[in-house]
Amino acid sequence: MKKKEYNRERAIEYARKWAYGRNKQYYAFDRLGGDCTNFISQCLYAGSGVMNYTPVYGWYYINLNNRSPSWTGVEFLYQFLTTNKGPGPLGELSDMFHVEPGDIIQLQFPGMNRFSHSLMINDIKRPVRESSVFVTTHDRDCFHYPLSEYVYANARFIKITGVQW
């Protein structure tokens, strides 16, 4: 399997274009539990250009009824990115100080026992702190929104390390 760089600029440009709208090529999951991870997967695809069509454990979207759990599920996306051995984006658990624009944040909200929201980093200012990390996401549609404006119990940062094809 060959490895290439993840195109962060392309992912962020896609996020900027669709942060406040819905791309008609993808079903909008706003009424089916939320559109955040679907949108982040679209951004990741824009930056990677490669899907993984492995049934159940891959990462792909063909239509509403033909997609992998990882395309729209927060925990499934995390599992895919951090354990992927096939085609598609590769990720690793990181921290706020080692991520960059185009990387992913997942949030666990107070009172919940799981992570339930996915965001993409679109900018980071120095020195790095919550108020200098800016994100884009769906559900609370935004682009360049400070992470510090979210109320959450826990955050995990996923660094995209490349793309296999």
N, C-alpha and C. Protein backbone atom coordinates (compact mmCIF):
# COMPACT_ATOMS: atom_id res chain seq x y z
N MET A 1 0.84 -1.18 0.00
CA MET A 1 0.00 0.00 0.00
C MET A 1 0.89 1.24 0.00
N LYS A 2 0.53 2.22 -0.81
CA LYS A 2 1.28 3.47 -0.89
C LYS A 2 0.69 4.49 0.08
N LYS A 3 1.53 5.41 0.51
CA LYS A 3 1.09 6.45 1.43
C LYS A 3 1.36 7.81 0.80
N LYS A 4 0.42 8.72 0.97
CA LYS A 4 0.59 10.09 0.48
C LYS A 4 0.19 11.06 1.58
N GLU A 5 0.51 12.33 1.35
CA GLU A 5 0.15 13.36 2.32
C GLU A 5 -1.35 13.66 2.25
N TYR A 6 -1.88 13.98 3.40
CA TYR A 6 -3.25 14.46 3.54
C TYR A 6 -3.25 15.93 3.13
N ASN A 7 -4.16 16.32 2.24
CA ASN A 7 -4.21 17.69 1.75
C ASN A 7 -5.08 18.53 2.69
N ARG A 8 -4.45 19.09 3.70
CA ARG A 8 -5.15 19.86 4.73
C ARG A 8 -5.87 21.08 4.13
N GLU A 9 -5.23 21.74 3.19
CA GLU A 9 -5.82 22.93 2.59
C GLU A 9 -7.13 22.59 1.87
N ARG A 10 -7.14 21.46 1.16
CA ARG A 10 -8.36 21.04 0.47
C ARG A 10 -9.48 20.71 1.46
N ALA A 11 -9.12 20.04 2.55
CA ALA A 11 -10.11 19.69 3.58
C ALA A 11 -10.71 20.96 4.18
N ILE A 12 -9.88 21.93 4.48
CA ILE A 12 -10.35 23.18 5.09
C ILE A 12 -11.17 24.00 4.11
N GLU A 13 -10.76 24.00 2.84
CA GLU A 13 -11.53 24.73 1.83
C GLU A 13 -12.92 24.12 1.68
N TYR A 14 -13.00 22.79 1.71
CA TYR A 14 -14.32 22.13 1.65
C TYR A 14 -15.14 22.54 2.88
N ALA A 15 -14.51 22.54 4.04
CA ALA A 15 -15.21 22.92 5.28
C ALA A 15 -15.72 24.36 5.18
N ARG A 16 -14.91 25.25 4.65
CA ARG A 16 -15.33 26.65 4.50
C ARG A 16 -16.54 26.75 3.56
N LYS A 17 -16.50 26.01 2.45
CA LYS A 17 -17.57 26.07 1.46
C LYS A 17 -18.89 25.55 2.00
N TRP A 18 -18.85 24.46 2.81
CA TRP A 18 -20.08 23.79 3.22
C TRP A 18 -20.42 23.94 4.70
N ALA A 19 -19.72 24.77 5.44
CA ALA A 19 -19.99 24.91 6.88
C ALA A 19 -21.42 25.36 7.16
N TYR A 20 -21.97 26.19 6.32
CA TYR A 20 -23.31 26.72 6.56
C TYR A 20 -24.34 26.19 5.57
N GLY A 21 -23.99 25.13 4.86
CA GLY A 21 -24.90 24.54 3.89
C GLY A 21 -24.73 23.03 3.86
N ARG A 22 -25.43 22.39 2.95
CA ARG A 22 -25.37 20.94 2.81
C ARG A 22 -25.08 20.61 1.35
N ASN A 23 -24.07 19.79 1.12
CA ASN A 23 -23.72 19.32 -0.20
C ASN A 23 -24.77 18.27 -0.61
N LYS A 24 -25.47 18.50 -1.70
CA LYS A 24 -26.56 17.61 -2.15
C LYS A 24 -26.06 16.22 -2.54
N GLN A 25 -24.74 16.03 -2.68
CA GLN A 25 -24.20 14.69 -3.00
C GLN A 25 -24.28 13.76 -1.79
N TYR A 26 -24.53 14.33 -0.61
CA TYR A 26 -24.59 13.55 0.63
C TYR A 26 -25.91 13.80 1.33
N TYR A 27 -26.45 12.78 1.94
CA TYR A 27 -27.65 12.93 2.73
C TYR A 27 -27.33 13.80 3.95
N ALA A 28 -28.21 14.70 4.32
CA ALA A 28 -28.04 15.52 5.52
C ALA A 28 -28.66 14.79 6.70
N PHE A 29 -27.86 14.45 7.69
CA PHE A 29 -28.31 13.64 8.83
C PHE A 29 -28.81 14.48 10.00
N ASP A 30 -29.16 15.73 9.76
CA ASP A 30 -29.59 16.63 10.83
C ASP A 30 -30.74 16.06 11.65
N ARG A 31 -31.65 15.34 11.01
CA ARG A 31 -32.82 14.80 11.71
C ARG A 31 -32.64 13.34 12.10
N LEU A 32 -31.48 12.79 11.85
CA LEU A 32 -31.20 11.38 12.20
C LEU A 32 -30.03 11.29 13.17
N GLY A 33 -30.00 12.14 14.17
CA GLY A 33 -28.95 12.09 15.18
C GLY A 33 -27.86 13.12 15.01
N GLY A 34 -27.86 13.85 13.92
CA GLY A 34 -26.88 14.91 13.72
C GLY A 34 -26.03 14.69 12.48
N ASP A 35 -25.52 15.78 11.95
CA ASP A 35 -24.76 15.75 10.70
C ASP A 35 -23.27 15.98 10.90
N CYS A 36 -22.81 16.08 12.14
CA CYS A 36 -21.42 16.49 12.38
C CYS A 36 -20.40 15.52 11.79
N THR A 37 -20.51 14.23 12.07
CA THR A 37 -19.49 13.29 11.61
C THR A 37 -19.62 13.06 10.11
N ASN A 38 -20.82 13.09 9.56
CA ASN A 38 -21.00 13.04 8.11
C ASN A 38 -20.24 14.19 7.46
N PHE A 39 -20.40 15.39 7.99
CA PHE A 39 -19.71 16.57 7.44
C PHE A 39 -18.19 16.44 7.59
N ILE A 40 -17.72 16.00 8.74
CA ILE A 40 -16.28 15.85 8.95
C ILE A 40 -15.73 14.78 8.01
N SER A 41 -16.48 13.69 7.78
CA SER A 41 -16.04 12.69 6.81
C SER A 41 -15.94 13.29 5.41
N GLN A 42 -16.88 14.14 5.04
CA GLN A 42 -16.81 14.80 3.74
C GLN A 42 -15.53 15.65 3.64
N CYS A 43 -15.22 16.37 4.71
CA CYS A 43 -14.00 17.18 4.72
C CYS A 43 -12.76 16.30 4.61
N LEU A 44 -12.74 15.20 5.37
CA LEU A 44 -11.61 14.26 5.30
C LEU A 44 -11.47 13.69 3.90
N TYR A 45 -12.59 13.37 3.27
CA TYR A 45 -12.54 12.84 1.92
C TYR A 45 -12.00 13.89 0.94
N ALA A 46 -12.40 15.14 1.11
CA ALA A 46 -11.88 16.21 0.26
C ALA A 46 -10.36 16.32 0.39
N GLY A 47 -9.83 16.07 1.57
CA GLY A 47 -8.39 16.15 1.81
C GLY A 47 -7.63 14.88 1.52
N SER A 48 -8.34 13.75 1.41
CA SER A 48 -7.65 12.48 1.19
C SER A 48 -7.90 11.92 -0.21
N GLY A 49 -9.12 12.08 -0.72
CA GLY A 49 -9.46 11.58 -2.04
C GLY A 49 -9.60 10.07 -2.13
N VAL A 50 -9.58 9.38 -0.99
CA VAL A 50 -9.62 7.92 -0.98
C VAL A 50 -10.65 7.45 0.05
N MET A 51 -11.54 6.56 -0.38
CA MET A 51 -12.46 5.90 0.55
C MET A 51 -11.98 4.46 0.74
N ASN A 52 -12.46 3.83 1.79
CA ASN A 52 -12.15 2.43 2.07
C ASN A 52 -13.48 1.68 2.03
N TYR A 53 -13.69 0.87 0.98
CA TYR A 53 -14.96 0.21 0.76
C TYR A 53 -15.08 -1.14 1.47
N THR A 54 -14.26 -1.39 2.47
CA THR A 54 -14.36 -2.63 3.23
C THR A 54 -15.70 -2.64 3.97
N PRO A 55 -16.54 -3.68 3.74
CA PRO A 55 -17.83 -3.72 4.44
C PRO A 55 -17.65 -3.67 5.96
N VAL A 56 -18.52 -2.98 6.62
CA VAL A 56 -18.61 -2.82 8.08
C VAL A 56 -17.47 -1.98 8.65
N TYR A 57 -16.22 -2.36 8.41
CA TYR A 57 -15.09 -1.70 9.08
C TYR A 57 -14.39 -0.64 8.23
N GLY A 58 -14.84 -0.42 7.02
CA GLY A 58 -14.22 0.58 6.15
C GLY A 58 -14.73 1.98 6.46
N TRP A 59 -14.52 2.87 5.49
CA TRP A 59 -14.94 4.26 5.62
C TRP A 59 -15.35 4.73 4.23
N TYR A 60 -16.67 4.76 3.98
CA TYR A 60 -17.13 5.12 2.65
C TYR A 60 -18.58 5.62 2.71
N TYR A 61 -18.95 6.32 1.65
CA TYR A 61 -20.32 6.79 1.47
C TYR A 61 -20.65 6.64 -0.01
N ILE A 62 -21.71 5.88 -0.29
CA ILE A 62 -22.25 5.79 -1.65
C ILE A 62 -23.61 6.49 -1.68
N ASN A 63 -24.43 6.17 -0.68
CA ASN A 63 -25.72 6.84 -0.52
C ASN A 63 -26.21 6.58 0.92
N LEU A 64 -27.38 7.08 1.24
CA LEU A 64 -27.92 6.95 2.59
C LEU A 64 -27.91 5.51 3.08
N ASN A 65 -28.27 4.58 2.22
CA ASN A 65 -28.39 3.18 2.62
C ASN A 65 -27.15 2.34 2.33
N ASN A 66 -26.14 2.95 1.77
CA ASN A 66 -24.91 2.24 1.44
C ASN A 66 -23.71 3.08 1.88
N ARG A 67 -23.40 2.97 3.15
CA ARG A 67 -22.30 3.73 3.76
C ARG A 67 -21.78 2.92 4.93
N SER A 68 -20.57 3.23 5.35
CA SER A 68 -20.01 2.54 6.51
C SER A 68 -20.44 3.25 7.79
N PRO A 69 -20.49 2.53 8.91
CA PRO A 69 -20.79 3.17 10.19
C PRO A 69 -19.81 4.30 10.53
N SER A 70 -18.56 4.16 10.08
CA SER A 70 -17.55 5.17 10.41
C SER A 70 -17.78 6.49 9.67
N TRP A 71 -18.57 6.49 8.61
CA TRP A 71 -18.80 7.74 7.88
C TRP A 71 -19.63 8.71 8.72
N THR A 72 -20.55 8.19 9.52
CA THR A 72 -21.47 9.06 10.27
C THR A 72 -21.43 8.88 11.78
N GLY A 73 -20.74 7.88 12.29
CA GLY A 73 -20.71 7.61 13.72
C GLY A 73 -19.43 8.09 14.38
N VAL A 74 -19.54 8.85 15.43
CA VAL A 74 -18.38 9.44 16.11
C VAL A 74 -17.38 8.37 16.54
N GLU A 75 -17.83 7.40 17.32
CA GLU A 75 -16.91 6.35 17.81
C GLU A 75 -16.36 5.51 16.67
N PHE A 76 -17.20 5.22 15.68
CA PHE A 76 -16.75 4.41 14.54
C PHE A 76 -15.70 5.16 13.72
N LEU A 77 -15.85 6.47 13.55
CA LEU A 77 -14.83 7.25 12.83
C LEU A 77 -13.51 7.21 13.59
N TYR A 78 -13.57 7.38 14.90
CA TYR A 78 -12.35 7.32 15.72
C TYR A 78 -11.66 5.96 15.53
N GLN A 79 -12.43 4.88 15.64
CA GLN A 79 -11.86 3.53 15.49
C GLN A 79 -11.24 3.35 14.11
N PHE A 80 -11.94 3.82 13.08
CA PHE A 80 -11.41 3.67 11.73
C PHE A 80 -10.09 4.42 11.58
N LEU A 81 -10.08 5.69 11.94
CA LEU A 81 -8.88 6.51 11.74
C LEU A 81 -7.68 5.97 12.50
N THR A 82 -7.89 5.50 13.71
CA THR A 82 -6.76 5.09 14.56
C THR A 82 -6.33 3.64 14.37
N THR A 83 -7.11 2.85 13.61
CA THR A 83 -6.73 1.44 13.40
C THR A 83 -6.66 1.07 11.92
N ASN A 84 -6.90 2.00 11.03
CA ASN A 84 -6.96 1.70 9.60
C ASN A 84 -5.66 1.10 9.08
N LYS A 85 -5.78 -0.06 8.44
CA LYS A 85 -4.63 -0.72 7.81
C LYS A 85 -4.79 -0.76 6.29
N GLY A 86 -5.93 -0.25 5.80
CA GLY A 86 -6.21 -0.28 4.37
C GLY A 86 -6.22 1.12 3.78
N PRO A 87 -6.94 1.29 2.64
CA PRO A 87 -7.02 2.60 2.00
C PRO A 87 -7.73 3.62 2.89
N GLY A 88 -7.40 4.89 2.68
CA GLY A 88 -8.08 5.97 3.37
C GLY A 88 -7.17 6.72 4.32
N PRO A 89 -7.75 7.72 5.00
CA PRO A 89 -6.96 8.53 5.93
C PRO A 89 -6.51 7.72 7.15
N LEU A 90 -5.37 8.12 7.68
CA LEU A 90 -4.78 7.50 8.87
C LEU A 90 -4.72 8.55 9.97
N GLY A 91 -5.03 8.15 11.21
CA GLY A 91 -5.00 9.09 12.31
C GLY A 91 -4.42 8.47 13.56
N GLU A 92 -4.01 9.34 14.46
CA GLU A 92 -3.52 8.88 15.76
C GLU A 92 -3.97 9.85 16.84
N LEU A 93 -4.18 9.31 18.03
CA LEU A 93 -4.57 10.14 19.16
C LEU A 93 -3.44 11.11 19.46
N SER A 94 -3.79 12.36 19.70
CA SER A 94 -2.79 13.40 19.93
C SER A 94 -3.28 14.30 21.06
N ASP A 95 -2.78 15.51 21.11
CA ASP A 95 -3.23 16.49 22.09
C ASP A 95 -3.32 17.85 21.41
N MET A 96 -3.84 18.82 22.12
CA MET A 96 -4.06 20.15 21.58
C MET A 96 -2.78 20.81 21.06
N PHE A 97 -1.64 20.42 21.58
CA PHE A 97 -0.39 21.08 21.23
C PHE A 97 0.30 20.48 20.00
N HIS A 98 -0.21 19.36 19.50
CA HIS A 98 0.45 18.69 18.37
C HIS A 98 -0.46 18.50 17.16
N VAL A 99 -1.64 19.09 17.18
CA VAL A 99 -2.52 19.01 16.03
C VAL A 99 -2.38 20.28 15.19
N GLU A 100 -2.95 20.24 14.01
CA GLU A 100 -2.88 21.37 13.10
C GLU A 100 -4.18 21.46 12.30
N PRO A 101 -4.36 22.54 11.57
CA PRO A 101 -5.57 22.65 10.76
C PRO A 101 -5.76 21.43 9.87
N GLY A 102 -7.01 20.96 9.81
CA GLY A 102 -7.34 19.75 9.06
C GLY A 102 -7.46 18.53 9.95
N ASP A 103 -7.00 18.62 11.20
CA ASP A 103 -7.13 17.51 12.14
C ASP A 103 -8.51 17.55 12.79
N ILE A 104 -8.83 16.50 13.53
CA ILE A 104 -10.18 16.29 14.07
C ILE A 104 -10.18 16.39 15.60
N ILE A 105 -11.27 16.93 16.13
CA ILE A 105 -11.52 16.92 17.57
C ILE A 105 -12.87 16.23 17.77
N GLN A 106 -12.95 15.38 18.78
CA GLN A 106 -14.22 14.79 19.16
C GLN A 106 -14.50 15.15 20.62
N LEU A 107 -15.75 15.52 20.89
CA LEU A 107 -16.13 15.98 22.22
C LEU A 107 -17.06 15.00 22.92
N GLN A 108 -16.85 14.92 24.22
CA GLN A 108 -17.76 14.20 25.12
C GLN A 108 -18.41 15.28 25.98
N PHE A 109 -19.73 15.33 25.97
CA PHE A 109 -20.44 16.37 26.70
C PHE A 109 -20.72 15.93 28.14
N PRO A 110 -20.89 16.88 29.06
CA PRO A 110 -21.17 16.54 30.45
C PRO A 110 -22.38 15.62 30.58
N GLY A 111 -22.26 14.62 31.43
CA GLY A 111 -23.35 13.69 31.67
C GLY A 111 -23.46 12.56 30.66
N MET A 112 -22.61 12.58 29.66
CA MET A 112 -22.63 11.51 28.66
C MET A 112 -21.44 10.59 28.88
N ASN A 113 -21.61 9.31 28.59
CA ASN A 113 -20.52 8.37 28.81
C ASN A 113 -19.78 8.02 27.52
N ARG A 114 -20.01 8.80 26.47
CA ARG A 114 -19.33 8.56 25.20
C ARG A 114 -19.08 9.88 24.48
N PHE A 115 -18.18 9.83 23.52
CA PHE A 115 -17.95 11.00 22.66
C PHE A 115 -19.08 11.06 21.65
N SER A 116 -19.59 12.27 21.39
CA SER A 116 -20.77 12.37 20.54
C SER A 116 -20.75 13.53 19.56
N HIS A 117 -19.62 14.20 19.39
CA HIS A 117 -19.57 15.33 18.46
C HIS A 117 -18.20 15.38 17.80
N SER A 118 -18.18 15.58 16.47
CA SER A 118 -16.94 15.68 15.70
C SER A 118 -16.79 17.07 15.11
N LEU A 119 -15.58 17.59 15.17
CA LEU A 119 -15.27 18.91 14.63
C LEU A 119 -13.94 18.83 13.88
N MET A 120 -13.72 19.76 12.97
CA MET A 120 -12.44 19.85 12.29
C MET A 120 -11.77 21.16 12.68
N ILE A 121 -10.49 21.09 12.94
CA ILE A 121 -9.72 22.30 13.23
C ILE A 121 -9.48 23.04 11.92
N ASN A 122 -9.83 24.33 11.87
CA ASN A 122 -9.54 25.10 10.67
C ASN A 122 -8.46 26.15 10.89
N ASP A 123 -8.09 26.40 12.16
CA ASP A 123 -7.01 27.35 12.43
C ASP A 123 -6.55 27.18 13.88
N ILE A 124 -5.29 27.45 14.11
CA ILE A 124 -4.72 27.45 15.46
C ILE A 124 -3.78 28.64 15.57
N LYS A 125 -3.97 29.44 16.59
CA LYS A 125 -3.10 30.59 16.86
C LYS A 125 -2.13 30.21 17.98
N ARG A 126 -1.01 30.86 18.05
CA ARG A 126 -0.02 30.63 19.11
C ARG A 126 -0.11 31.75 20.12
N PRO A 127 0.02 31.53 21.40
CA PRO A 127 0.21 30.23 22.03
C PRO A 127 -1.08 29.41 21.99
N VAL A 128 -0.92 28.10 21.96
CA VAL A 128 -2.07 27.20 21.84
C VAL A 128 -2.80 27.10 23.17
N ARG A 129 -4.09 27.35 23.12
CA ARG A 129 -5.01 27.16 24.25
C ARG A 129 -6.40 27.04 23.65
N GLU A 130 -7.38 26.69 24.45
CA GLU A 130 -8.74 26.48 23.93
C GLU A 130 -9.25 27.66 23.10
N SER A 131 -8.97 28.85 23.53
CA SER A 131 -9.49 30.03 22.83
C SER A 131 -8.74 30.34 21.54
N SER A 132 -7.63 29.64 21.28
CA SER A 132 -6.87 29.88 20.04
C SER A 132 -6.99 28.72 19.05
N VAL A 133 -7.84 27.74 19.37
CA VAL A 133 -8.14 26.64 18.45
C VAL A 133 -9.51 26.92 17.86
N PHE A 134 -9.57 27.02 16.53
CA PHE A 134 -10.81 27.36 15.84
C PHE A 134 -11.29 26.16 15.02
N VAL A 135 -12.59 25.92 15.09
CA VAL A 135 -13.16 24.71 14.50
C VAL A 135 -14.30 25.01 13.55
N THR A 136 -14.64 24.00 12.78
CA THR A 136 -15.82 24.02 11.92
C THR A 136 -16.58 22.72 12.13
N THR A 137 -17.89 22.78 12.03
CA THR A 137 -18.71 21.59 12.22
C THR A 137 -20.13 21.84 11.73
N HIS A 138 -20.91 20.79 11.72
CA HIS A 138 -22.36 20.89 11.48
C HIS A 138 -23.08 20.58 12.78
N ASP A 139 -24.35 20.79 12.79
CA ASP A 139 -25.30 20.72 13.90
C ASP A 139 -25.36 22.10 14.54
N ARG A 140 -24.27 22.59 15.06
CA ARG A 140 -24.16 24.00 15.40
C ARG A 140 -23.26 24.54 14.28
N ASP A 141 -23.88 24.77 13.12
CA ASP A 141 -23.10 25.11 11.93
C ASP A 141 -22.19 26.29 12.21
N CYS A 142 -20.91 26.09 11.93
CA CYS A 142 -19.95 27.16 12.17
C CYS A 142 -18.68 26.95 11.37
N PHE A 143 -17.96 28.02 11.17
CA PHE A 143 -16.62 27.99 10.61
C PHE A 143 -15.80 29.01 11.39
N HIS A 144 -14.64 28.62 11.82
CA HIS A 144 -13.73 29.48 12.59
C HIS A 144 -14.36 29.87 13.94
N TYR A 145 -14.85 28.87 14.63
CA TYR A 145 -15.51 29.05 15.93
C TYR A 145 -14.54 28.59 17.02
N PRO A 146 -14.34 29.38 18.08
CA PRO A 146 -13.38 28.99 19.12
C PRO A 146 -13.82 27.75 19.90
N LEU A 147 -12.91 26.82 20.07
CA LEU A 147 -13.20 25.62 20.86
C LEU A 147 -13.63 26.00 22.27
N SER A 148 -13.11 27.09 22.79
CA SER A 148 -13.43 27.52 24.15
C SER A 148 -14.91 27.86 24.34
N GLU A 149 -15.66 28.03 23.27
CA GLU A 149 -17.09 28.34 23.38
C GLU A 149 -17.95 27.10 23.61
N TYR A 150 -17.35 25.93 23.49
CA TYR A 150 -18.07 24.69 23.77
C TYR A 150 -17.98 24.34 25.25
N VAL A 151 -19.03 23.77 25.80
CA VAL A 151 -19.02 23.22 27.15
C VAL A 151 -18.93 21.71 26.98
N TYR A 152 -17.83 21.13 27.41
CA TYR A 152 -17.63 19.69 27.23
C TYR A 152 -16.87 19.11 28.41
N ALA A 153 -17.02 17.81 28.61
CA ALA A 153 -16.35 17.12 29.70
C ALA A 153 -14.98 16.62 29.29
N ASN A 154 -14.84 16.25 28.01
CA ASN A 154 -13.58 15.68 27.54
C ASN A 154 -13.45 15.93 26.04
N ALA A 155 -12.23 16.09 25.59
CA ALA A 155 -11.95 16.25 24.16
C ALA A 155 -10.83 15.30 23.77
N ARG A 156 -10.97 14.70 22.60
CA ARG A 156 -9.84 13.92 22.07
C ARG A 156 -9.48 14.50 20.71
N PHE A 157 -8.20 14.57 20.50
CA PHE A 157 -7.64 15.17 19.30
C PHE A 157 -7.06 14.06 18.43
N ILE A 158 -7.45 14.05 17.17
CA ILE A 158 -6.99 13.03 16.23
C ILE A 158 -6.17 13.70 15.14
N LYS A 159 -4.89 13.40 15.12
CA LYS A 159 -3.99 13.94 14.11
C LYS A 159 -4.04 13.05 12.88
N ILE A 160 -4.32 13.64 11.73
CA ILE A 160 -4.32 12.88 10.47
C ILE A 160 -2.86 12.83 10.00
N THR A 161 -2.35 11.61 9.91
CA THR A 161 -0.91 11.43 9.62
C THR A 161 -0.61 11.12 8.17
N GLY A 162 -1.62 10.92 7.36
CA GLY A 162 -1.42 10.62 5.96
C GLY A 162 -2.60 9.86 5.41
N VAL A 163 -2.43 9.40 4.17
CA VAL A 163 -3.48 8.70 3.45
C VAL A 163 -2.86 7.49 2.76
N GLN A 164 -3.47 6.33 2.91
CA GLN A 164 -3.02 5.14 2.19
C GLN A 164 -3.92 4.94 0.98
N TRP A 165 -3.31 4.43 -0.08
CA TRP A 165 -4.09 4.13 -1.30
C TRP A 165 -3.47 2.97 -2.05
